[in-house]
Protein backbone atom coordinates (compact mmCIF):
# COMPACT_ATOMS: atom_id res chain seq x y z
CA MET A 1 -62.48 26.23 109.70
CA ASN A 2 -62.64 24.39 107.07
CA TRP A 3 -63.69 21.14 108.61
CA ILE A 4 -64.03 18.96 105.63
CA ALA A 5 -60.66 19.49 104.53
CA THR A 6 -59.18 18.82 108.00
CA PHE A 7 -60.62 15.27 108.24
CA GLN A 8 -59.77 14.57 104.64
CA ALA A 9 -56.19 15.20 105.43
CA ILE A 10 -56.56 13.46 109.11
CA THR A 11 -58.26 10.24 107.66
CA LYS A 12 -56.69 10.36 104.26
CA GLN A 13 -60.03 8.78 102.79
CA LYS A 14 -60.09 10.56 99.42
CA ILE A 15 -62.71 8.42 97.88
CA LEU A 16 -66.49 9.31 98.82
CA LEU A 17 -69.38 7.05 97.56
CA PRO A 18 -72.61 8.60 98.23
CA PHE A 19 -75.93 6.75 97.26
CA TYR A 20 -79.34 7.86 97.21
CA HIS A 21 -82.71 6.19 96.23
CA THR A 22 -84.26 9.02 94.45
CA VAL A 23 -85.05 12.64 94.23
CA ALA A 24 -88.72 14.61 93.95
CA GLU A 25 -90.57 17.52 94.96
CA LEU A 26 -93.66 15.60 96.31
CA GLN A 27 -94.10 12.99 98.72
CA LEU A 28 -93.92 9.70 97.07
CA PRO A 29 -96.67 7.02 98.98
CA HIS A 30 -94.40 4.17 98.15
CA ILE A 31 -91.86 5.88 99.89
CA GLN A 32 -93.05 8.66 102.48
CA HIS A 33 -93.48 6.24 105.27
CA LEU A 34 -89.88 4.63 104.68
CA TYR A 35 -87.11 7.45 104.58
CA ARG A 36 -87.10 11.00 104.01
CA MET A 37 -86.45 11.80 99.94
CA LYS A 38 -84.49 15.04 99.25
CA THR A 39 -85.97 17.47 97.27
CA VAL A 40 -84.73 18.83 94.00
CA LYS A 41 -83.21 22.19 96.14
CA GLU A 42 -81.86 19.85 98.59
CA PHE A 43 -80.13 17.40 96.09
CA LEU A 44 -78.45 20.60 94.18
CA GLU A 45 -77.13 21.77 97.44
CA ASP A 46 -75.44 18.38 98.13
CA LEU A 47 -74.29 18.39 94.87
CA ASP A 48 -72.53 22.01 95.06
CA PHE A 49 -71.25 20.88 98.57
CA LEU A 50 -69.76 17.73 96.80
CA LEU A 51 -68.32 19.61 93.92
CA LYS A 52 -66.54 22.25 96.24
CA HIS A 53 -64.89 19.64 98.33
CA PHE A 54 -64.43 16.59 95.88
CA GLU A 55 -63.84 16.10 92.19
CA PRO A 56 -66.64 13.82 90.04
CA ILE A 57 -65.17 10.52 88.81
CA SER A 58 -66.98 7.91 86.70
CA ALA A 59 -67.25 4.19 87.71
CA GLU A 60 -64.67 3.52 85.15
CA MET A 61 -61.90 5.87 87.15
CA LEU A 62 -63.01 4.34 90.32
CA TYR A 63 -62.44 0.72 88.96
CA HIS A 64 -59.08 2.49 87.49
CA PHE A 65 -57.83 3.32 91.04
CA HIS A 66 -59.01 -0.11 92.20
CA VAL A 67 -56.78 -2.40 89.71
CA ASN A 68 -54.00 -0.31 89.77
CA LYS A 69 -54.21 -0.05 93.63
CA MET A 70 -53.80 4.17 93.46
CA VAL A 71 -54.95 6.59 95.91
CA PRO A 72 -56.10 9.81 93.84
CA GLN A 73 -54.47 12.80 94.50
CA LYS A 74 -57.20 14.95 95.14
CA PRO A 75 -60.53 13.65 97.02
CA VAL A 76 -63.23 12.10 94.49
CA PHE A 77 -66.31 10.87 94.48
CA HIS A 78 -68.69 8.78 92.27
CA LEU A 79 -72.57 9.39 92.83
CA THR A 80 -74.77 6.31 92.89
CA PHE A 81 -78.52 5.83 93.21
CA ASP A 82 -80.27 2.16 94.16
CA ASP A 83 -83.71 0.79 92.91
CA GLY A 84 -83.89 2.07 89.45
CA LEU A 85 -86.75 4.61 90.57
CA LYS A 86 -88.23 6.55 87.60
CA GLU A 87 -86.95 10.15 88.98
CA ILE A 88 -83.58 8.74 87.85
CA TYR A 89 -84.74 9.25 84.62
CA GLU A 90 -87.10 12.54 84.86
CA ILE A 91 -85.20 14.34 87.23
CA VAL A 92 -81.79 13.23 88.28
CA ALA A 93 -80.28 12.55 85.30
CA PRO A 94 -80.59 15.93 83.64
CA ILE A 95 -79.66 17.56 86.39
CA LEU A 96 -76.28 15.62 86.46
CA LEU A 97 -75.82 16.06 83.08
CA GLN A 98 -76.12 19.63 83.14
CA LYS A 99 -73.81 19.99 86.06
CA GLY A 100 -70.84 17.23 84.32
CA ILE A 101 -71.40 14.55 87.14
CA PRO A 102 -71.03 10.82 86.28
CA ALA A 103 -73.16 8.49 88.23
CA THR A 104 -73.93 4.88 88.57
CA PHE A 105 -77.80 3.56 88.65
CA PHE A 106 -78.40 0.21 90.24
CA VAL A 107 -81.37 -1.53 89.06
CA ASN A 108 -83.77 -4.58 90.26
CA SER A 109 -84.08 -6.92 87.43
CA GLY A 110 -87.21 -7.93 88.82
CA PHE A 111 -89.07 -4.57 89.11
CA VAL A 112 -87.43 -3.06 85.47
CA ASP A 113 -90.42 -2.23 83.51
CA ASN A 114 -92.86 -2.01 86.28
CA LYS A 115 -93.15 -6.20 86.12
CA ALA A 116 -93.32 -6.07 90.31
CA LEU A 117 -93.29 -3.95 93.31
CA PHE A 118 -90.39 -3.76 96.14
CA TYR A 119 -92.28 -5.37 99.21
CA ARG A 120 -90.97 -2.22 101.69
CA TYR A 121 -92.98 0.14 98.94
CA HIS A 122 -95.67 -2.04 99.22
CA ALA A 123 -95.77 -1.64 103.14
CA SER A 124 -95.60 2.12 102.56
CA LEU A 125 -98.51 2.15 100.26
CA ALA A 126 -100.49 -0.03 103.00
CA VAL A 127 -99.88 2.16 105.34
CA GLU A 128 -101.06 5.11 103.22
CA GLU A 129 -104.02 3.04 102.38
CA LEU A 130 -105.04 2.82 105.88
CA ILE A 131 -104.68 6.33 106.79
CA GLN A 132 -106.67 7.20 104.19
CA LYS A 133 -109.53 5.03 105.14
CA GLY A 134 -108.99 6.07 109.07
CA ALA A 135 -108.26 2.82 110.02
CA LEU A 136 -104.56 3.24 111.07
CA THR A 137 -103.30 2.41 114.53
CA HIS A 138 -99.42 2.76 115.88
CA GLY A 139 -99.02 -0.96 116.56
CA LEU A 140 -100.57 -1.81 113.10
CA LYS A 141 -98.14 0.78 111.26
CA THR A 142 -95.17 -0.87 113.07
CA GLU A 143 -96.16 -4.27 111.94
CA ILE A 144 -96.49 -3.66 108.08
CA LEU A 145 -93.10 -1.70 108.16
CA ALA A 146 -91.72 -4.43 110.12
CA CYS A 147 -92.68 -7.04 107.66
CA SER A 148 -89.93 -9.01 106.50
CA TYR A 149 -89.19 -10.18 102.85
CA LYS A 150 -90.13 -14.06 104.00
CA ASP A 151 -93.56 -12.84 105.02
CA LYS A 152 -94.23 -10.06 102.37
CA GLU A 153 -97.25 -11.85 101.21
CA SER A 154 -99.21 -10.70 104.28
CA LEU A 155 -99.17 -7.50 102.93
CA PHE A 156 -101.62 -7.99 100.39
CA GLN A 157 -104.36 -8.08 103.09
CA TYR A 158 -103.68 -4.57 103.02
CA PHE A 159 -103.07 -3.42 99.60
CA SER A 160 -104.32 -5.77 97.67
CA GLN A 161 -102.42 -7.57 94.42
CA GLN A 162 -105.11 -5.71 92.33
CA GLN A 163 -104.10 -2.22 94.07
CA VAL A 164 -100.39 -2.91 93.34
CA ASP A 165 -100.94 -3.69 89.74
CA ALA A 166 -103.20 -0.77 89.56
CA PHE A 167 -100.43 1.14 90.79
CA LEU A 168 -97.45 -0.19 88.93
CA SER A 169 -99.81 0.49 85.60
CA ASN A 170 -100.61 3.85 86.68
CA GLU A 171 -98.18 5.42 88.50
CA LYS A 172 -94.82 3.44 86.71
CA PRO A 173 -92.24 3.77 89.50
CA TYR A 174 -89.40 2.19 88.06
CA LEU A 175 -87.24 2.81 85.16
CA THR A 176 -88.04 1.25 81.77
CA THR A 177 -85.75 -0.77 79.60
CA GLU A 178 -85.70 1.82 77.30
CA GLN A 179 -84.84 4.14 79.72
CA ILE A 180 -82.22 2.35 80.84
CA LYS A 181 -80.63 2.30 77.61
CA THR A 182 -80.99 5.90 76.99
CA LEU A 183 -79.51 6.55 80.57
CA SER A 184 -76.42 4.40 78.97
CA ALA A 185 -76.16 6.18 76.06
CA GLN A 186 -75.89 9.52 77.96
CA GLY A 187 -72.57 7.91 79.68
CA PHE A 188 -74.27 7.06 82.65
CA THR A 189 -73.14 3.36 84.19
CA ILE A 190 -75.78 0.81 84.79
CA GLY A 191 -75.55 -1.54 87.85
CA ALA A 192 -77.43 -4.36 89.05
CA HIS A 193 -79.14 -4.41 92.68
CA SER A 194 -80.56 -7.95 93.01
CA VAL A 195 -83.92 -9.39 91.40
CA ASP A 196 -86.49 -8.36 94.33
CA HIS A 197 -84.48 -6.61 97.03
CA PRO A 198 -84.26 -8.92 99.78
CA TYR A 199 -81.76 -8.52 102.90
CA TYR A 200 -78.80 -10.85 101.94
CA TYR A 201 -78.49 -12.15 105.55
CA GLU A 202 -82.11 -13.45 105.92
CA ILE A 203 -81.79 -15.90 102.53
CA SER A 204 -79.42 -18.74 101.93
CA LEU A 205 -76.19 -18.33 100.13
CA GLU A 206 -77.56 -19.91 97.16
CA GLU A 207 -80.35 -17.63 96.63
CA GLN A 208 -77.64 -15.12 97.22
CA LEU A 209 -75.64 -15.80 94.21
CA ARG A 210 -79.04 -16.55 92.34
CA GLN A 211 -80.08 -13.13 92.96
CA THR A 212 -76.86 -11.35 92.12
CA LEU A 213 -75.72 -13.41 89.20
CA SER A 214 -79.28 -13.41 87.69
CA SER A 215 -79.33 -9.72 87.85
CA LEU A 216 -75.87 -9.05 86.62
CA GLU A 217 -76.83 -10.99 83.66
CA PHE A 218 -79.98 -8.87 83.18
CA VAL A 219 -77.87 -5.55 82.94
CA SER A 220 -75.67 -7.25 80.80
CA SER A 221 -78.67 -7.88 78.27
CA ILE A 222 -79.88 -4.45 78.16
CA VAL A 223 -76.62 -2.31 77.70
CA ASN A 224 -73.32 -2.67 76.24
CA GLN A 225 -70.91 -1.93 78.85
CA LYS A 226 -67.30 -3.43 80.10
CA LEU A 227 -67.88 -2.82 83.88
CA ARG A 228 -69.86 -4.97 86.01
CA LEU A 229 -71.10 -3.71 89.12
CA PHE A 230 -73.38 -4.58 91.88
CA ALA A 231 -74.85 -2.98 95.04
CA PHE A 232 -76.16 -5.01 97.68
CA PRO A 233 -79.90 -4.18 98.53
CA PHE A 234 -80.07 -2.86 101.99
CA THR A 235 -76.75 -4.13 103.15
CA ASP A 236 -74.07 -6.37 102.75
CA PHE A 237 -74.21 -7.51 106.62
CA LYS A 238 -73.08 -10.76 107.24
CA VAL A 239 -72.25 -11.79 103.94
CA SER A 240 -69.48 -14.21 103.74
CA GLN A 241 -66.08 -14.50 102.13
CA HIS A 242 -67.11 -17.25 100.71
CA PHE A 243 -69.96 -15.26 98.45
CA PHE A 244 -67.17 -12.99 97.26
CA GLU A 245 -65.18 -15.87 96.36
CA GLU A 246 -67.99 -16.95 94.29
CA ILE A 247 -69.07 -13.55 92.41
CA LYS A 248 -65.39 -12.67 91.79
CA PRO A 249 -65.25 -13.93 88.31
CA PHE A 250 -68.80 -12.10 87.46
CA VAL A 251 -68.37 -8.84 89.06
CA ASP A 252 -65.72 -5.86 88.86
CA LEU A 253 -66.98 -3.79 92.16
CA SER A 254 -69.26 -4.20 94.36
CA PHE A 255 -70.65 -1.97 96.86
CA GLY A 256 -72.20 -2.00 100.35
CA THR A 257 -73.68 0.81 102.36
CA ALA A 258 -71.49 0.90 105.90
CA ASN A 259 -70.68 4.42 105.08
CA LEU A 260 -66.80 5.02 105.72
CA LYS A 261 -65.46 1.90 106.24
CA LYS A 262 -62.75 -0.45 105.07
CA ASP A 263 -63.31 -3.86 103.72
CA GLU A 264 -61.47 -6.61 103.75
CA VAL A 265 -63.01 -7.83 100.36
CA ALA A 266 -61.10 -5.49 98.34
CA PHE A 267 -63.22 -5.06 95.29
CA ASN A 268 -66.20 -4.32 97.94
CA TYR A 269 -66.47 -0.70 98.62
CA GLN A 270 -68.41 0.88 101.26
CA ARG A 271 -71.03 4.06 100.55
CA LEU A 272 -72.35 6.77 102.23
CA GLU A 273 -76.16 7.34 102.57
CA GLY A 274 -76.95 10.24 100.97
CA GLU A 275 -80.63 11.13 101.96
CA CYS A 276 -79.34 11.54 105.42
CA GLY A 277 -82.29 10.93 107.97
CA THR A 278 -83.02 13.46 110.06
CA MET A 279 -79.96 15.50 109.56
CA ARG A 280 -80.92 16.87 106.59
CA THR A 281 -77.94 17.76 104.85
CA LEU A 282 -74.84 15.71 103.29
CA GLU A 283 -72.04 18.15 105.18
CA LYS A 284 -73.33 17.03 108.35
CA VAL A 285 -73.40 13.29 107.68
CA LEU A 286 -69.96 13.64 106.33
CA ILE A 287 -68.76 15.52 109.55
CA LYS A 288 -70.11 12.74 112.00
CA GLU A 289 -69.02 9.86 109.97
CA TYR A 290 -65.29 11.46 109.43
CA VAL A 291 -65.68 11.38 113.26
CA LYS A 292 -66.64 7.67 113.48
CA TYR A 293 -63.99 6.45 110.99
CA LEU A 294 -61.64 8.11 113.26
CA LEU A 295 -62.73 6.60 116.41
CA LYS A 296 -63.24 3.31 115.21
CA THR A 297 -59.70 3.59 113.91
CA PHE A 298 -58.45 4.28 117.11
CA LEU A 299 -60.39 1.01 118.40
CA GLY A 300 -59.17 -1.27 115.69
CA LYS A 301 -62.70 -1.25 114.26
CA ASN A 302 -62.64 0.00 111.01
CA LEU A 303 -62.43 -2.92 108.61
CA ILE A 304 -65.30 -4.93 108.04
CA TYR A 305 -64.12 -8.82 108.53
CA ARG A 306 -65.93 -11.64 106.49
CA LYS A 307 -66.40 -15.20 107.56
CA TYR A 308 -67.01 -18.47 106.15
């Protein structure tokens, strides 16, 4: 039985927006203690699955559906990647070009050209450093990985500023401006992902707006593209209606990470996590999310409401 086709018919959800961060053959020290990355083989399997059950569309086509309030005749998907990591240029883009799959890459303006490091990546490097020294305890690992955006300076006691600078200089984990321009010239869409990746519910409305508008302005300054796209770092949980009203003149589409769920803000779309955690395959995750979608619909909890 084709469960995907069955759930597509029942849920009437014809737009799927999977998101990833990176694809790599080897464990990356700045990521390995945070989440499980997809290997190239696993990513190719995900793409084959998507192409079997959905048609790939560009961000422009997604926007066309949005502004014209259209539902695609066939199930479609648009692929997105967050954080602007270098593997996008080195591994992901060549695969997508070969398969003819459009995608949007969301970048943090504060990290492009390896100017600074995301504090969560800093935490993973700190954990790895302590492992190498034989000094990591379970409690210390938990403490480091639980470090918040506002307390991120505390990570330097485990992995110093000098070590961070050396990592950025030697490993160059992020895309450069020139690589982003090349990706744009190849037909990919570039979107904004905040300045330095905070949890939005932990910062003020004023800072939310600064992070958003500054990153949007940065993207506009380096690529010649009509669409203005923004993906929330982490999640759009507890982001207010007032925020969306403030950014509406400056953005065409925005994206959260609540999987298969509707949003009362029409231009804010929810995406499905592609890394999948322990479930490994996108197919298993999608079936699970279809079931959750139906249950939430039955319980009247399938729409995200925004408060002021």
